[in-house]
Amino acid sequence: LSKTNTSYGLRIRTIGNMNYSSNLSRLIIWKSHLQLFRDNPSFGIGLNRNYIEVEPYMTKLAGGTKYFQLSHAHNTVIQLLAGVGFIGLIAFLAFFTKLFIINIRLVLLNKNSASLLSIFTLGALGAHISMTIGGLTEATFKDAEIKLLFIFLMALVLAFNTRRKKNNTT
């Protein structure tokens, strides 16, 4: 097996093992960010300030020793809860869900076509699903290059949807 396959196999075999350092670190990271949210539930601590504000929480959870693996939350929902609070998370989820519904509608409307639009919307739906699944263990909207590519794809989905609506009303 290649080194990559071995790494994936190790992650799968150790997924529930709390003695495995990666799992223990992630648990401390998640709990710390959730505590940030509990202390600032409505509007959070500010977008992308998690990394700055999380150190005392992580140190406390690590038993008083300085925790050096300061990080984003490694989960999109937890990252947003801590950063923008419950209100910001609801706004994000509403926007994200609306884009998903629009994209599914476009895929279904073009399912019997081999057009570029059909192929693109199916690919954009795959990207949306990947962002959602990836967001369970990574803060997928933290990295600018990922965020910008996703926004670009969704802007095209919205443009195609607007064009479709315009063509149906004329």
C-alpha atoms as a PDB file:
ATOM      1  CA  LEU A   1       0.000   0.000   0.000  1.00  0.00           C
ATOM      2  CA  SER A   2       1.104   3.535  -0.631  1.00  0.00           C
ATOM      3  CA  LYS A   3       1.843   5.919   2.209  1.00  0.00           C
ATOM      4  CA  THR A   4      -1.388   7.812   1.431  1.00  0.00           C
ATOM      5  CA  ASN A   5      -3.516   4.683   1.711  1.00  0.00           C
ATOM      6  CA  THR A   6      -1.761   3.784   4.961  1.00  0.00           C
ATOM      7  CA  SER A   7      -2.578   7.242   6.378  1.00  0.00           C
ATOM      8  CA  TYR A   8      -6.231   6.883   5.458  1.00  0.00           C
ATOM      9  CA  GLY A   9      -6.321   3.370   6.899  1.00  0.00           C
ATOM     10  CA  LEU A  10      -4.812   4.623  10.152  1.00  0.00           C
ATOM     11  CA  ARG A  11      -7.419   7.411  10.388  1.00  0.00           C
ATOM     12  CA  ILE A  12     -10.242   4.939   9.819  1.00  0.00           C
ATOM     13  CA  ARG A  13      -8.869   2.404  12.331  1.00  0.00           C
ATOM     14  CA  THR A  14      -8.374   5.080  15.018  1.00  0.00           C
ATOM     15  CA  ILE A  15     -11.531   7.130  14.459  1.00  0.00           C
ATOM     16  CA  GLY A  16     -13.058   6.272  17.842  1.00  0.00           C
ATOM     17  CA  ASN A  17      -9.817   5.866  19.797  1.00  0.00           C
ATOM     18  CA  MET A  18      -9.534   8.728  22.292  1.00  0.00           C
ATOM     19  CA  ASN A  19      -5.968   7.680  23.134  1.00  0.00           C
ATOM     20  CA  TYR A  20      -4.931   8.590  19.592  1.00  0.00           C
ATOM     21  CA  SER A  21      -3.351  12.058  19.774  1.00  0.00           C
ATOM     22  CA  SER A  22      -5.147  13.464  16.720  1.00  0.00           C
ATOM     23  CA  ASN A  23      -8.561  12.561  18.152  1.00  0.00           C
ATOM     24  CA  LEU A  24      -7.702  13.907  21.582  1.00  0.00           C
ATOM     25  CA  SER A  25      -6.449  17.183  20.066  1.00  0.00           C
ATOM     26  CA  ARG A  26      -9.575  17.564  17.963  1.00  0.00           C
ATOM     27  CA  LEU A  27     -11.764  16.977  21.014  1.00  0.00           C
ATOM     28  CA  ILE A  28      -9.924  19.705  22.936  1.00  0.00           C
ATOM     29  CA  ILE A  29     -10.206  22.031  19.926  1.00  0.00           C
ATOM     30  CA  TRP A  30     -13.966  21.395  19.571  1.00  0.00           C
ATOM     31  CA  LYS A  31     -14.678  21.794  23.289  1.00  0.00           C
ATOM     32  CA  SER A  32     -12.646  25.016  23.451  1.00  0.00           C
ATOM     33  CA  HIS A  33     -14.489  26.585  20.530  1.00  0.00           C
ATOM     34  CA  LEU A  34     -17.854  25.472  21.895  1.00  0.00           C
ATOM     35  CA  GLN A  35     -16.973  27.187  25.177  1.00  0.00           C
ATOM     36  CA  LEU A  36     -16.161  30.348  23.205  1.00  0.00           C
ATOM     37  CA  PHE A  37     -19.658  30.083  21.752  1.00  0.00           C
ATOM     38  CA  ARG A  38     -21.257  29.515  25.184  1.00  0.00           C
ATOM     39  CA  ASP A  39     -19.563  32.677  26.448  1.00  0.00           C
ATOM     40  CA  ASN A  40     -20.673  34.686  23.366  1.00  0.00           C
ATOM     41  CA  PRO A  41     -23.821  32.951  22.066  1.00  0.00           C
ATOM     42  CA  SER A  42     -25.643  35.641  20.097  1.00  0.00           C
ATOM     43  CA  PHE A  43     -22.994  37.197  17.859  1.00  0.00           C
ATOM     44  CA  GLY A  44     -19.847  35.197  18.693  1.00  0.00           C
ATOM     45  CA  ILE A  45     -16.400  36.648  19.274  1.00  0.00           C
ATOM     46  CA  GLY A  46     -15.997  38.039  15.771  1.00  0.00           C
ATOM     47  CA  LEU A  47     -15.388  36.450  12.415  1.00  0.00           C
ATOM     48  CA  ASN A  48     -12.027  34.650  12.294  1.00  0.00           C
ATOM     49  CA  ARG A  49     -11.036  35.713  15.828  1.00  0.00           C
ATOM     50  CA  ASN A  50     -11.267  32.134  17.121  1.00  0.00           C
ATOM     51  CA  TYR A  51      -7.540  31.569  16.790  1.00  0.00           C
ATOM     52  CA  ILE A  52      -6.805  34.698  18.828  1.00  0.00           C
ATOM     53  CA  GLU A  53      -9.349  34.072  21.601  1.00  0.00           C
ATOM     54  CA  VAL A  54      -9.195  30.291  22.045  1.00  0.00           C
ATOM     55  CA  GLU A  55      -5.845  29.902  23.878  1.00  0.00           C
ATOM     56  CA  PRO A  56      -7.109  30.248  27.494  1.00  0.00           C
ATOM     57  CA  TYR A  57      -9.918  27.778  26.808  1.00  0.00           C
ATOM     58  CA  MET A  58      -7.553  25.218  25.308  1.00  0.00           C
ATOM     59  CA  THR A  59      -5.034  25.640  28.116  1.00  0.00           C
ATOM     60  CA  LYS A  60      -7.765  25.026  30.690  1.00  0.00           C
ATOM     61  CA  LEU A  61      -8.974  21.881  28.895  1.00  0.00           C
ATOM     62  CA  ALA A  62      -5.400  20.645  28.550  1.00  0.00           C
ATOM     63  CA  GLY A  63      -5.084  20.626  32.353  1.00  0.00           C
ATOM     64  CA  GLY A  64      -3.448  24.009  32.811  1.00  0.00           C
ATOM     65  CA  THR A  65      -0.494  23.383  30.530  1.00  0.00           C
ATOM     66  CA  LYS A  66      -0.119  25.785  27.630  1.00  0.00           C
ATOM     67  CA  TYR A  67      -1.720  24.157  24.635  1.00  0.00           C
ATOM     68  CA  PHE A  68       0.406  24.902  21.587  1.00  0.00           C
ATOM     69  CA  GLN A  69      -1.836  23.546  18.873  1.00  0.00           C
ATOM     70  CA  LEU A  70      -3.946  26.695  18.598  1.00  0.00           C
ATOM     71  CA  SER A  71      -6.169  26.316  15.629  1.00  0.00           C
ATOM     72  CA  HIS A  72      -9.441  26.933  13.932  1.00  0.00           C
ATOM     73  CA  ALA A  73     -12.281  24.704  15.106  1.00  0.00           C
ATOM     74  CA  HIS A  74     -11.837  21.852  12.591  1.00  0.00           C
ATOM     75  CA  ASN A  75     -15.609  21.914  12.070  1.00  0.00           C
ATOM     76  CA  THR A  76     -17.492  24.495  10.007  1.00  0.00           C
ATOM     77  CA  VAL A  77     -20.518  24.731  12.313  1.00  0.00           C
ATOM     78  CA  ILE A  78     -18.435  25.019  15.490  1.00  0.00           C
ATOM     79  CA  GLN A  79     -16.129  27.546  13.788  1.00  0.00           C
ATOM     80  CA  LEU A  80     -19.109  29.706  12.859  1.00  0.00           C
ATOM     81  CA  LEU A  81     -20.816  29.324  16.238  1.00  0.00           C
ATOM     82  CA  ALA A  82     -17.733  30.629  18.033  1.00  0.00           C
ATOM     83  CA  GLY A  83     -16.988  33.309  15.451  1.00  0.00           C
ATOM     84  CA  VAL A  84     -20.394  34.735  14.512  1.00  0.00           C
ATOM     85  CA  GLY A  85     -22.671  33.185  17.120  1.00  0.00           C
ATOM     86  CA  PHE A  86     -26.076  31.611  16.737  1.00  0.00           C
ATOM     87  CA  ILE A  87     -27.476  34.455  14.636  1.00  0.00           C
ATOM     88  CA  GLY A  88     -24.569  34.337  12.182  1.00  0.00           C
ATOM     89  CA  LEU A  89     -24.749  30.553  11.946  1.00  0.00           C
ATOM     90  CA  ILE A  90     -28.477  30.658  11.150  1.00  0.00           C
ATOM     91  CA  ALA A  91     -27.851  33.254   8.417  1.00  0.00           C
ATOM     92  CA  PHE A  92     -25.028  31.149   6.957  1.00  0.00           C
ATOM     93  CA  LEU A  93     -27.061  27.934   7.036  1.00  0.00           C
ATOM     94  CA  ALA A  94     -30.045  29.658   5.407  1.00  0.00           C
ATOM     95  CA  PHE A  95     -27.817  30.982   2.611  1.00  0.00           C
ATOM     96  CA  PHE A  96     -25.979  27.660   2.212  1.00  0.00           C
ATOM     97  CA  THR A  97     -29.255  25.682   2.153  1.00  0.00           C
ATOM     98  CA  LYS A  98     -30.886  28.061  -0.356  1.00  0.00           C
ATOM     99  CA  LEU A  99     -27.912  27.640  -2.708  1.00  0.00           C
ATOM    100  CA  PHE A 100     -28.162  23.872  -2.306  1.00  0.00           C
ATOM    101  CA  ILE A 101     -31.876  23.879  -3.191  1.00  0.00           C
ATOM    102  CA  ILE A 102     -31.310  26.103  -6.241  1.00  0.00           C
ATOM    103  CA  ASN A 103     -28.498  23.839  -7.392  1.00  0.00           C
ATOM    104  CA  ILE A 104     -30.554  20.656  -6.957  1.00  0.00           C
ATOM    105  CA  ARG A 105     -33.423  22.269  -8.885  1.00  0.00           C
ATOM    106  CA  LEU A 106     -31.071  23.085 -11.766  1.00  0.00           C
ATOM    107  CA  VAL A 107     -29.641  19.551 -11.752  1.00  0.00           C
ATOM    108  CA  LEU A 108     -33.136  18.043 -11.859  1.00  0.00           C
ATOM    109  CA  LEU A 109     -34.330  20.392 -14.608  1.00  0.00           C
ATOM    110  CA  ASN A 110     -31.346  19.418 -16.765  1.00  0.00           C
ATOM    111  CA  LYS A 111     -31.027  15.737 -15.819  1.00  0.00           C
ATOM    112  CA  ASN A 112     -31.885  14.454 -19.308  1.00  0.00           C
ATOM    113  CA  SER A 113     -29.465  16.778 -21.028  1.00  0.00           C
ATOM    114  CA  ALA A 114     -25.799  16.312 -21.843  1.00  0.00           C
ATOM    115  CA  SER A 115     -25.316  20.068 -21.966  1.00  0.00           C
ATOM    116  CA  LEU A 116     -22.499  21.985 -20.360  1.00  0.00           C
ATOM    117  CA  LEU A 117     -25.077  23.439 -17.936  1.00  0.00           C
ATOM    118  CA  SER A 118     -26.109  19.945 -16.829  1.00  0.00           C
ATOM    119  CA  ILE A 119     -22.503  18.879 -16.306  1.00  0.00           C
ATOM    120  CA  PHE A 120     -21.588  22.094 -14.494  1.00  0.00           C
ATOM    121  CA  THR A 121     -24.556  22.057 -12.112  1.00  0.00           C
ATOM    122  CA  LEU A 122     -23.902  18.412 -11.242  1.00  0.00           C
ATOM    123  CA  GLY A 123     -20.254  19.275 -10.530  1.00  0.00           C
ATOM    124  CA  ALA A 124     -21.281  22.304  -8.447  1.00  0.00           C
ATOM    125  CA  LEU A 125     -23.656  20.069  -6.476  1.00  0.00           C
ATOM    126  CA  GLY A 126     -20.764  17.677  -5.858  1.00  0.00           C
ATOM    127  CA  ALA A 127     -18.650  20.596  -4.612  1.00  0.00           C
ATOM    128  CA  HIS A 128     -21.483  21.663  -2.299  1.00  0.00           C
ATOM    129  CA  ILE A 129     -21.823  18.158  -0.864  1.00  0.00           C
ATOM    130  CA  SER A 130     -18.028  17.898  -0.464  1.00  0.00           C
ATOM    131  CA  MET A 131     -17.935  21.200   1.438  1.00  0.00           C
ATOM    132  CA  THR A 132     -20.702  19.951   3.712  1.00  0.00           C
ATOM    133  CA  ILE A 133     -19.093  16.584   4.455  1.00  0.00           C
ATOM    134  CA  GLY A 134     -15.606  18.085   4.733  1.00  0.00           C
ATOM    135  CA  GLY A 135     -17.002  20.640   7.172  1.00  0.00           C
ATOM    136  CA  LEU A 136     -17.583  17.917   9.746  1.00  0.00           C
ATOM    137  CA  THR A 137     -13.852  17.628  10.471  1.00  0.00           C
ATOM    138  CA  GLU A 138     -12.420  20.782   8.917  1.00  0.00           C
ATOM    139  CA  ALA A 139     -13.414  24.454   8.895  1.00  0.00           C
ATOM    140  CA  THR A 140     -13.981  24.437   5.136  1.00  0.00           C
ATOM    141  CA  PHE A 141     -14.690  28.159   4.883  1.00  0.00           C
ATOM    142  CA  LYS A 142     -11.519  29.163   6.734  1.00  0.00           C
ATOM    143  CA  ASP A 143      -9.163  28.892   3.746  1.00  0.00           C
ATOM    144  CA  ALA A 144      -9.528  31.761   1.283  1.00  0.00           C
ATOM    145  CA  GLU A 145      -8.759  29.713  -1.829  1.00  0.00           C
ATOM    146  CA  ILE A 146     -11.468  27.161  -0.985  1.00  0.00           C
ATOM    147  CA  LYS A 147     -13.969  29.819   0.019  1.00  0.00           C
ATOM    148  CA  LEU A 148     -13.399  31.890  -3.134  1.00  0.00           C
ATOM    149  CA  LEU A 149     -13.679  28.901  -5.474  1.00  0.00           C
ATOM    150  CA  PHE A 150     -16.908  27.827  -3.781  1.00  0.00           C
ATOM    151  CA  ILE A 151     -18.339  31.359  -3.995  1.00  0.00           C
ATOM    152  CA  PHE A 152     -17.394  31.519  -7.684  1.00  0.00           C
ATOM    153  CA  LEU A 153     -19.142  28.187  -8.381  1.00  0.00           C
ATOM    154  CA  MET A 154     -22.244  29.261  -6.490  1.00  0.00           C
ATOM    155  CA  ALA A 155     -22.269  32.646  -8.275  1.00  0.00           C
ATOM    156  CA  LEU A 156     -22.397  30.758 -11.568  1.00  0.00           C
ATOM    157  CA  VAL A 157     -25.215  28.562 -10.221  1.00  0.00           C
ATOM    158  CA  LEU A 158     -27.142  31.724  -9.283  1.00  0.00           C
ATOM    159  CA  ALA A 159     -26.447  33.258 -12.701  1.00  0.00           C
ATOM    160  CA  PHE A 160     -27.734  30.127 -14.467  1.00  0.00           C
ATOM    161  CA  ASN A 161     -30.801  30.122 -12.232  1.00  0.00           C
ATOM    162  CA  THR A 162     -31.498  33.801 -12.953  1.00  0.00           C
ATOM    163  CA  ARG A 163     -31.118  33.174 -16.687  1.00  0.00           C
ATOM    164  CA  ARG A 164     -33.499  30.202 -16.450  1.00  0.00           C
ATOM    165  CA  LYS A 165     -36.099  32.314 -14.631  1.00  0.00           C
ATOM    166  CA  LYS A 166     -35.751  35.124 -17.164  1.00  0.00           C
ATOM    167  CA  ASN A 167     -36.187  32.733 -20.095  1.00  0.00           C
ATOM    168  CA  ASN A 168     -39.275  31.164 -18.508  1.00  0.00           C
ATOM    169  CA  THR A 169     -41.017  34.524 -18.034  1.00  0.00           C
ATOM    170  CA  THR A 170     -40.450  35.877 -21.542  1.00  0.00           C
END
